[in-house]
């Protein structure tokens, strides 16, 4: 199965978080850390979806 990778720009276009907010959430352990490919950072789509589902579940 092929993984889909997202850039920070793609994440901020789709989800209601800014870049700095995403990095704050990573530091708190609430959002997956990116992987580095060369000099760029990418997020694995399945991990991001799981984090977003966790946020939705926390709302109750």
N, C-alpha and C. Protein backbone atom coordinates (compact mmCIF):
# COMPACT_ATOMS: atom_id res chain seq x y z
N UNK A 1 0.85 -1.19 0.00
CA UNK A 1 0.00 0.00 0.00
C UNK A 1 0.89 1.25 0.00
N UNK A 2 0.54 2.18 -0.79
CA UNK A 2 1.34 3.39 -0.97
C UNK A 2 0.89 4.48 0.00
N UNK A 3 1.86 5.09 0.70
CA UNK A 3 1.57 6.17 1.64
C UNK A 3 1.45 7.49 0.90
N UNK A 4 0.59 8.36 1.38
CA UNK A 4 0.47 9.71 0.85
C UNK A 4 1.14 10.65 1.84
N UNK A 5 1.96 11.55 1.32
CA UNK A 5 2.68 12.51 2.14
C UNK A 5 2.16 13.91 1.85
N UNK A 6 2.02 14.71 2.90
CA UNK A 6 1.53 16.07 2.76
C UNK A 6 2.58 17.07 3.23
N UNK A 7 2.65 18.20 2.55
CA UNK A 7 3.52 19.29 2.98
C UNK A 7 2.77 20.13 4.02
N UNK A 8 3.48 21.02 4.68
CA UNK A 8 2.84 21.91 5.65
C UNK A 8 1.78 22.76 4.95
N UNK A 9 2.07 23.22 3.76
CA UNK A 9 1.10 24.04 3.01
C UNK A 9 -0.19 23.25 2.74
N UNK A 10 -0.05 21.98 2.37
CA UNK A 10 -1.23 21.16 2.13
C UNK A 10 -2.03 20.97 3.42
N UNK A 11 -1.35 20.80 4.54
CA UNK A 11 -2.05 20.64 5.82
C UNK A 11 -2.82 21.90 6.18
N UNK A 12 -2.18 23.06 6.04
CA UNK A 12 -2.86 24.30 6.42
C UNK A 12 -3.97 24.66 5.45
N UNK A 13 -3.92 24.14 4.24
CA UNK A 13 -5.01 24.37 3.28
C UNK A 13 -6.25 23.54 3.64
N UNK A 14 -6.04 22.37 4.24
CA UNK A 14 -7.13 21.43 4.49
C UNK A 14 -7.66 21.52 5.92
N UNK A 15 -6.78 21.71 6.89
CA UNK A 15 -7.17 21.68 8.29
C UNK A 15 -7.14 23.07 8.89
N UNK A 16 -7.91 23.28 9.98
CA UNK A 16 -8.03 24.64 10.56
C UNK A 16 -6.88 25.01 11.49
N UNK A 17 -5.65 24.68 11.11
CA UNK A 17 -4.47 24.99 11.91
C UNK A 17 -3.47 25.77 11.06
N UNK A 18 -2.79 26.71 11.71
CA UNK A 18 -1.69 27.41 11.04
C UNK A 18 -0.42 26.59 11.21
N UNK A 19 0.61 26.94 10.48
CA UNK A 19 1.89 26.26 10.62
C UNK A 19 2.43 26.30 12.04
N UNK A 20 2.47 27.49 12.68
CA UNK A 20 2.96 27.54 14.06
C UNK A 20 2.13 26.69 15.02
N UNK A 21 0.82 26.65 14.81
CA UNK A 21 -0.03 25.82 15.67
C UNK A 21 0.30 24.34 15.49
N UNK A 22 0.52 23.91 14.27
CA UNK A 22 0.89 22.52 14.03
C UNK A 22 2.18 22.18 14.77
N UNK A 23 3.16 23.05 14.70
CA UNK A 23 4.43 22.77 15.38
C UNK A 23 4.27 22.80 16.91
N UNK A 24 3.37 23.65 17.43
CA UNK A 24 3.09 23.64 18.87
C UNK A 24 2.45 22.31 19.28
N UNK A 25 1.51 21.82 18.46
CA UNK A 25 0.86 20.55 18.75
C UNK A 25 1.85 19.39 18.70
N UNK A 26 2.80 19.45 17.77
CA UNK A 26 3.84 18.42 17.68
C UNK A 26 4.66 18.42 18.98
N UNK A 27 5.04 19.61 19.44
CA UNK A 27 5.85 19.72 20.66
C UNK A 27 5.11 19.16 21.87
N UNK A 28 3.78 19.34 21.91
CA UNK A 28 2.96 18.81 23.01
C UNK A 28 2.70 17.31 22.86
N UNK A 29 2.99 16.75 21.69
CA UNK A 29 2.73 15.34 21.46
C UNK A 29 1.33 15.05 20.95
N UNK A 30 0.61 16.09 20.53
CA UNK A 30 -0.77 15.92 20.06
C UNK A 30 -0.90 15.80 18.55
N UNK A 31 0.20 15.92 17.83
CA UNK A 31 0.16 15.88 16.36
C UNK A 31 1.41 15.12 15.92
N UNK A 32 1.31 14.33 14.85
CA UNK A 32 2.49 13.56 14.42
C UNK A 32 3.61 14.46 13.90
N UNK A 33 4.82 14.04 14.20
CA UNK A 33 5.99 14.77 13.71
C UNK A 33 6.18 14.47 12.23
N UNK A 34 6.74 15.41 11.50
CA UNK A 34 6.98 15.17 10.07
C UNK A 34 8.19 14.26 9.87
N UNK A 35 8.27 13.72 8.68
CA UNK A 35 9.48 13.01 8.28
C UNK A 35 10.22 13.95 7.34
N UNK A 36 11.52 13.85 7.33
CA UNK A 36 12.34 14.70 6.46
C UNK A 36 12.74 13.90 5.23
N UNK A 37 12.54 14.49 4.09
CA UNK A 37 13.02 13.94 2.84
C UNK A 37 13.82 15.08 2.20
N UNK A 38 15.12 14.92 2.21
CA UNK A 38 15.97 16.03 1.80
C UNK A 38 15.84 17.14 2.81
N UNK A 39 15.58 18.33 2.35
CA UNK A 39 15.42 19.48 3.25
C UNK A 39 13.96 19.77 3.57
N UNK A 40 13.05 19.00 3.00
CA UNK A 40 11.62 19.27 3.19
C UNK A 40 11.01 18.35 4.23
N UNK A 41 9.95 18.83 4.85
CA UNK A 41 9.21 18.05 5.84
C UNK A 41 7.89 17.60 5.23
N UNK A 42 7.54 16.35 5.52
CA UNK A 42 6.28 15.79 5.03
C UNK A 42 5.59 15.05 6.17
N UNK A 43 4.27 15.09 6.15
CA UNK A 43 3.47 14.36 7.13
C UNK A 43 2.77 13.21 6.43
N UNK A 44 2.74 12.07 7.10
CA UNK A 44 2.05 10.90 6.56
C UNK A 44 0.56 11.10 6.78
N UNK A 45 -0.19 11.01 5.69
CA UNK A 45 -1.61 11.33 5.73
C UNK A 45 -2.38 10.49 6.75
N UNK A 46 -2.11 9.20 6.84
CA UNK A 46 -2.82 8.34 7.79
C UNK A 46 -2.59 8.79 9.24
N UNK A 47 -1.38 9.23 9.56
CA UNK A 47 -1.07 9.69 10.91
C UNK A 47 -1.81 11.00 11.21
N UNK A 48 -1.87 11.88 10.22
CA UNK A 48 -2.58 13.15 10.40
C UNK A 48 -4.07 12.89 10.59
N UNK A 49 -4.63 11.99 9.79
CA UNK A 49 -6.05 11.66 9.92
C UNK A 49 -6.35 11.08 11.31
N UNK A 50 -5.46 10.24 11.82
CA UNK A 50 -5.65 9.67 13.15
C UNK A 50 -5.62 10.75 14.21
N UNK A 51 -4.71 11.73 14.09
CA UNK A 51 -4.63 12.83 15.04
C UNK A 51 -5.89 13.67 14.98
N UNK A 52 -6.37 13.94 13.79
CA UNK A 52 -7.60 14.74 13.65
C UNK A 52 -8.80 13.99 14.24
N UNK A 53 -8.84 12.69 14.07
CA UNK A 53 -9.93 11.89 14.66
C UNK A 53 -9.84 11.94 16.18
N UNK A 54 -8.64 11.91 16.72
CA UNK A 54 -8.46 12.01 18.17
C UNK A 54 -8.97 13.35 18.69
N UNK A 55 -8.72 14.44 17.95
CA UNK A 55 -9.25 15.74 18.34
C UNK A 55 -10.78 15.71 18.34
N UNK A 56 -11.36 15.12 17.33
CA UNK A 56 -12.83 15.04 17.24
C UNK A 56 -13.39 14.19 18.39
N UNK A 57 -12.74 13.08 18.69
CA UNK A 57 -13.20 12.22 19.78
C UNK A 57 -13.09 12.91 21.13
N UNK A 58 -12.08 13.74 21.30
CA UNK A 58 -11.88 14.44 22.57
C UNK A 58 -12.97 15.45 22.84
N UNK A 59 -13.60 15.92 21.79
CA UNK A 59 -14.70 16.89 21.94
C UNK A 59 -15.92 16.23 22.55
N UNK A 60 -15.99 14.91 22.40
CA UNK A 60 -17.05 14.15 23.03
C UNK A 60 -18.26 14.03 22.25
